[in-house]
N, C-alpha and C. Protein backbone atom coordinates (compact mmCIF):
# COMPACT_ATOMS: atom_id res chain seq x y z
N MET A 1 135.28 60.63 111.17
CA MET A 1 134.92 62.02 112.04
C MET A 1 133.79 61.24 112.82
N ALA A 2 133.16 60.96 114.55
CA ALA A 2 132.36 60.44 114.80
C ALA A 2 131.43 60.81 114.95
N LYS A 3 129.98 60.16 114.79
CA LYS A 3 128.80 60.17 114.63
C LYS A 3 127.99 61.39 116.11
N GLN A 4 127.78 62.14 115.46
CA GLN A 4 127.09 62.86 116.74
C GLN A 4 125.53 62.13 117.32
N THR A 5 125.29 62.52 118.75
CA THR A 5 124.80 62.40 119.54
C THR A 5 123.08 63.03 119.15
N VAL A 6 122.25 62.67 119.25
CA VAL A 6 120.76 64.03 119.14
C VAL A 6 121.35 65.05 120.21
N ALA A 7 122.04 64.84 121.03
CA ALA A 7 122.19 66.10 122.55
C ALA A 7 123.05 67.17 121.49
N GLU A 8 124.07 66.55 120.84
CA GLU A 8 124.64 67.43 120.21
C GLU A 8 124.55 68.09 119.30
N GLN A 9 123.50 67.36 118.16
CA GLN A 9 123.20 68.19 117.33
C GLN A 9 122.33 68.80 118.00
N PHE A 10 121.45 68.74 118.89
CA PHE A 10 120.69 69.91 119.24
C PHE A 10 121.53 71.16 119.61
N VAL A 11 122.67 70.83 120.20
CA VAL A 11 123.40 72.22 120.94
C VAL A 11 123.85 72.98 119.74
N ASP A 12 124.01 71.99 118.00
CA ASP A 12 124.44 73.00 117.40
C ASP A 12 123.86 73.80 116.96
N ILE A 13 122.39 73.02 116.43
CA ILE A 13 121.47 73.74 116.22
C ILE A 13 121.58 75.23 116.84
N LEU A 14 121.35 74.94 118.23
CA LEU A 14 121.38 76.22 119.28
C LEU A 14 122.07 77.17 118.78
N VAL A 15 123.28 76.62 118.76
CA VAL A 15 124.46 78.01 118.24
C VAL A 15 124.16 77.91 117.65
N ARG A 16 123.52 77.48 116.21
CA ARG A 16 124.32 78.40 114.85
C ARG A 16 122.55 79.08 115.17
N ALA A 17 121.44 79.20 115.62
CA ALA A 17 120.14 79.64 116.20
C ALA A 17 120.46 80.49 116.02
N GLY A 18 122.04 81.04 116.84
CA GLY A 18 122.19 82.27 117.78
C GLY A 18 121.45 82.47 119.59
N VAL A 19 121.20 81.03 119.90
CA VAL A 19 120.27 80.75 121.14
C VAL A 19 121.40 81.58 122.33
N ARG A 20 121.17 82.68 123.01
CA ARG A 20 122.65 82.87 124.16
C ARG A 20 121.84 82.69 125.28
N ARG A 21 120.39 81.75 125.86
CA ARG A 21 120.91 81.63 127.12
C ARG A 21 119.40 80.27 126.92
N LEU A 22 119.78 79.40 127.51
CA LEU A 22 119.62 78.10 127.60
C LEU A 22 118.72 78.20 129.32
N TYR A 23 117.60 77.67 129.62
CA TYR A 23 116.74 77.54 130.23
C TYR A 23 116.66 76.19 130.45
N GLY A 24 116.29 75.76 132.13
CA GLY A 24 115.48 74.18 132.23
C GLY A 24 116.45 73.93 133.48
N VAL A 25 115.40 72.39 133.94
CA VAL A 25 115.75 71.92 135.13
C VAL A 25 116.13 70.69 134.75
N VAL A 26 117.47 70.75 135.31
CA VAL A 26 119.09 69.90 134.99
C VAL A 26 117.99 68.36 135.55
N GLY A 27 118.00 66.96 134.65
CA GLY A 27 117.92 65.95 135.87
C GLY A 27 117.92 65.47 134.31
N ASP A 28 117.63 63.66 135.13
CA ASP A 28 118.25 62.71 134.07
C ASP A 28 118.22 62.58 133.05
N SER A 29 116.72 63.27 132.04
CA SER A 29 116.59 63.46 131.02
C SER A 29 117.19 64.50 130.30
N LEU A 30 118.12 65.16 131.13
CA LEU A 30 118.50 66.55 130.19
C LEU A 30 120.02 66.24 129.84
N ASN A 31 120.86 65.04 130.96
CA ASN A 31 121.56 65.43 130.92
C ASN A 31 122.68 64.65 129.66
N PRO A 32 122.04 64.25 129.22
CA PRO A 32 122.90 64.39 127.61
C PRO A 32 123.15 65.90 127.64
N VAL A 33 121.73 66.22 127.27
CA VAL A 33 121.88 67.70 126.73
C VAL A 33 122.94 68.73 127.53
N VAL A 34 123.24 68.61 128.48
CA VAL A 34 123.90 68.99 130.09
C VAL A 34 125.58 69.00 129.17
N ASP A 35 126.13 67.31 129.24
CA ASP A 35 127.07 67.12 128.35
C ASP A 35 127.87 67.75 127.30
N ALA A 36 126.59 67.82 126.46
CA ALA A 36 126.81 67.75 125.11
C ALA A 36 126.94 69.47 125.03
N ILE A 37 126.59 70.53 125.97
CA ILE A 37 127.44 71.77 126.34
C ILE A 37 127.99 71.83 126.46
N ARG A 38 128.48 71.26 127.76
CA ARG A 38 129.81 71.29 128.36
C ARG A 38 131.06 70.88 127.45
N HIS A 39 130.81 70.52 126.35
CA HIS A 39 131.65 69.37 125.54
C HIS A 39 131.66 70.50 124.50
N ALA A 40 130.71 71.17 123.70
CA ALA A 40 130.44 72.78 123.04
C ALA A 40 131.72 73.51 123.23
N LEU A 41 131.61 74.16 124.81
CA LEU A 41 132.27 74.80 125.33
C LEU A 41 133.38 74.31 125.39
N VAL A 42 134.17 73.26 125.53
CA VAL A 42 135.32 72.61 125.40
C VAL A 42 136.26 72.93 124.43
N THR A 43 135.20 72.21 122.79
CA THR A 43 135.91 72.35 121.23
C THR A 43 135.98 74.15 121.18
N ALA A 44 135.17 75.07 121.64
CA ALA A 44 134.68 75.82 120.98
C ALA A 44 135.90 76.82 121.88
N GLY A 45 136.27 76.54 123.36
CA GLY A 45 137.72 77.53 123.19
C GLY A 45 136.72 78.42 123.81
N PRO A 46 138.16 79.35 124.86
CA PRO A 46 137.56 80.76 125.28
C PRO A 46 137.73 82.37 124.42
N SER A 47 137.85 81.31 123.17
CA SER A 47 138.10 82.50 122.34
C SER A 47 137.59 82.60 120.50
N ALA A 48 136.65 81.31 121.33
CA ALA A 48 135.46 81.36 120.06
C ALA A 48 134.30 82.60 119.90
N PRO A 49 134.48 83.31 118.55
CA PRO A 49 133.64 84.53 118.19
C PRO A 49 132.27 84.09 118.51
N GLU A 50 131.71 82.45 118.15
CA GLU A 50 130.38 82.26 117.88
C GLU A 50 130.36 82.04 120.10
N ARG A 51 131.16 81.81 120.15
CA ARG A 51 130.70 81.14 122.44
C ARG A 51 129.93 82.21 122.34
N PRO A 52 128.47 80.77 123.03
CA PRO A 52 127.45 81.33 123.58
C PRO A 52 127.48 81.94 124.65
N SER A 53 126.56 82.73 125.58
CA SER A 53 126.93 83.51 126.94
C SER A 53 127.01 82.35 127.83
N TRP A 54 125.60 81.02 127.62
CA TRP A 54 125.58 80.84 128.48
C TRP A 54 126.69 79.50 128.21
N THR A 55 127.42 79.15 128.03
CA THR A 55 128.61 78.21 127.98
C THR A 55 129.39 78.72 129.67
N ARG A 56 129.41 80.05 129.63
CA ARG A 56 130.28 81.14 130.28
C ARG A 56 130.25 80.52 132.22
N TRP A 57 129.43 79.82 132.06
CA TRP A 57 129.68 79.08 133.66
C TRP A 57 130.36 78.00 133.85
N ARG A 58 130.58 77.58 132.95
CA ARG A 58 132.12 76.25 132.76
C ARG A 58 133.41 76.87 133.09
N ARG A 59 133.46 78.46 133.48
CA ARG A 59 135.24 79.28 133.51
C ARG A 59 135.58 78.74 134.34
């Protein structure tokens, strides 16, 4: 299993905590977090019951 980045760990914690919305200004410093959110969406799949609503924009 590959090691997780800090951004991926951050997104995992947010999902487990039940976060449904994430606000912020996307830019250079947040690009790894945005990539981790996209990756979480792809790995969660459209039928995952714990899929956060803030991943819907990727559909």
